[in-house]
């Protein structure tokens, strides 16, 4: 982040400038965003729920959103 800000030549960045390069927030509810655009959405939490959501998405015409959270394991 600091490298990108330094490349602008704007000097020492303040908190607002740093916030513009921060990808941690705000947390977005993609299912609600989809609903606001008239697109059905779901957030399955298990593989079985994902399969059900995927089948339902394929059965209906038009777009749908399936938000899947992946857990990183190292």
Protein backbone atom coordinates (compact mmCIF):
# COMPACT_ATOMS: atom_id res chain seq x y z
CA UNK A 1 0.00 0.00 0.00
CA UNK A 2 2.65 2.54 0.96
CA UNK A 3 4.58 1.84 -2.23
CA UNK A 4 1.59 2.74 -4.39
CA UNK A 5 0.96 5.93 -2.44
CA UNK A 6 4.64 6.89 -2.65
CA UNK A 7 4.51 6.52 -6.43
CA UNK A 8 1.87 9.24 -6.63
CA UNK A 9 4.38 11.81 -5.37
CA UNK A 10 1.78 13.31 -3.05
CA UNK A 11 3.93 13.19 0.09
CA UNK A 12 3.03 11.53 3.38
CA UNK A 13 -0.51 10.10 3.10
CA UNK A 14 -3.11 10.83 5.75
CA UNK A 15 -5.66 8.36 7.13
CA UNK A 16 -8.22 9.06 4.37
CA UNK A 17 -5.69 8.44 1.61
CA UNK A 18 -4.56 5.21 3.28
CA UNK A 19 -8.19 4.09 3.64
CA UNK A 20 -8.69 4.45 -0.11
CA UNK A 21 -6.05 1.75 -0.68
CA UNK A 22 -7.38 -0.57 2.06
CA UNK A 23 -9.25 -3.61 0.70
CA UNK A 24 -10.50 -4.83 4.09
CA UNK A 25 -13.72 -2.86 4.29
CA UNK A 26 -16.49 -2.29 4.17
CA UNK A 27 -17.84 -5.82 4.38
CA UNK A 28 -20.34 -6.25 1.56
CA UNK A 29 -23.44 -8.46 1.63
CA UNK A 30 -23.42 -9.71 -1.95
CA UNK A 31 -26.67 -11.66 -1.52
CA UNK A 32 -28.49 -8.45 -0.52
CA UNK A 33 -26.80 -6.52 -3.34
CA UNK A 34 -28.02 -9.15 -5.80
CA UNK A 35 -31.55 -9.00 -4.38
CA UNK A 36 -31.51 -5.22 -4.76
CA UNK A 37 -30.86 -5.75 -8.47
CA UNK A 38 -33.60 -8.34 -8.81
CA UNK A 39 -31.21 -11.30 -8.89
CA UNK A 40 -31.81 -14.28 -6.60
CA UNK A 41 -28.86 -15.07 -4.38
CA UNK A 42 -27.79 -17.51 -1.70
CA UNK A 43 -24.90 -18.11 0.68
CA UNK A 44 -24.51 -21.87 1.24
CA UNK A 45 -22.34 -23.00 4.14
CA UNK A 46 -21.95 -26.69 3.27
CA UNK A 47 -21.16 -28.64 0.11
CA UNK A 48 -24.68 -30.07 0.16
CA UNK A 49 -26.23 -26.60 0.39
CA UNK A 50 -24.02 -25.48 -2.49
CA UNK A 51 -25.21 -28.39 -4.66
CA UNK A 52 -28.84 -27.48 -3.91
CA UNK A 53 -28.24 -23.80 -4.67
CA UNK A 54 -26.41 -24.65 -7.90
CA UNK A 55 -29.23 -26.94 -9.06
CA UNK A 56 -31.80 -24.22 -8.32
CA UNK A 57 -29.70 -21.63 -10.17
CA UNK A 58 -29.47 -23.85 -13.24
CA UNK A 59 -33.21 -24.62 -13.15
CA UNK A 60 -34.24 -20.96 -13.43
CA UNK A 61 -33.69 -18.69 -16.43
CA UNK A 62 -31.50 -15.64 -15.97
CA UNK A 63 -28.70 -14.83 -13.59
CA UNK A 64 -28.34 -15.88 -9.98
CA UNK A 65 -25.63 -15.41 -7.40
CA UNK A 66 -24.08 -18.03 -5.14
CA UNK A 67 -21.66 -16.60 -2.60
CA UNK A 68 -19.19 -19.22 -1.38
CA UNK A 69 -16.74 -18.49 1.43
CA UNK A 70 -13.56 -20.54 1.17
CA UNK A 71 -11.43 -21.30 4.17
CA UNK A 72 -7.69 -21.17 3.60
CA UNK A 73 -5.79 -24.07 5.12
CA UNK A 74 -2.02 -23.94 5.20
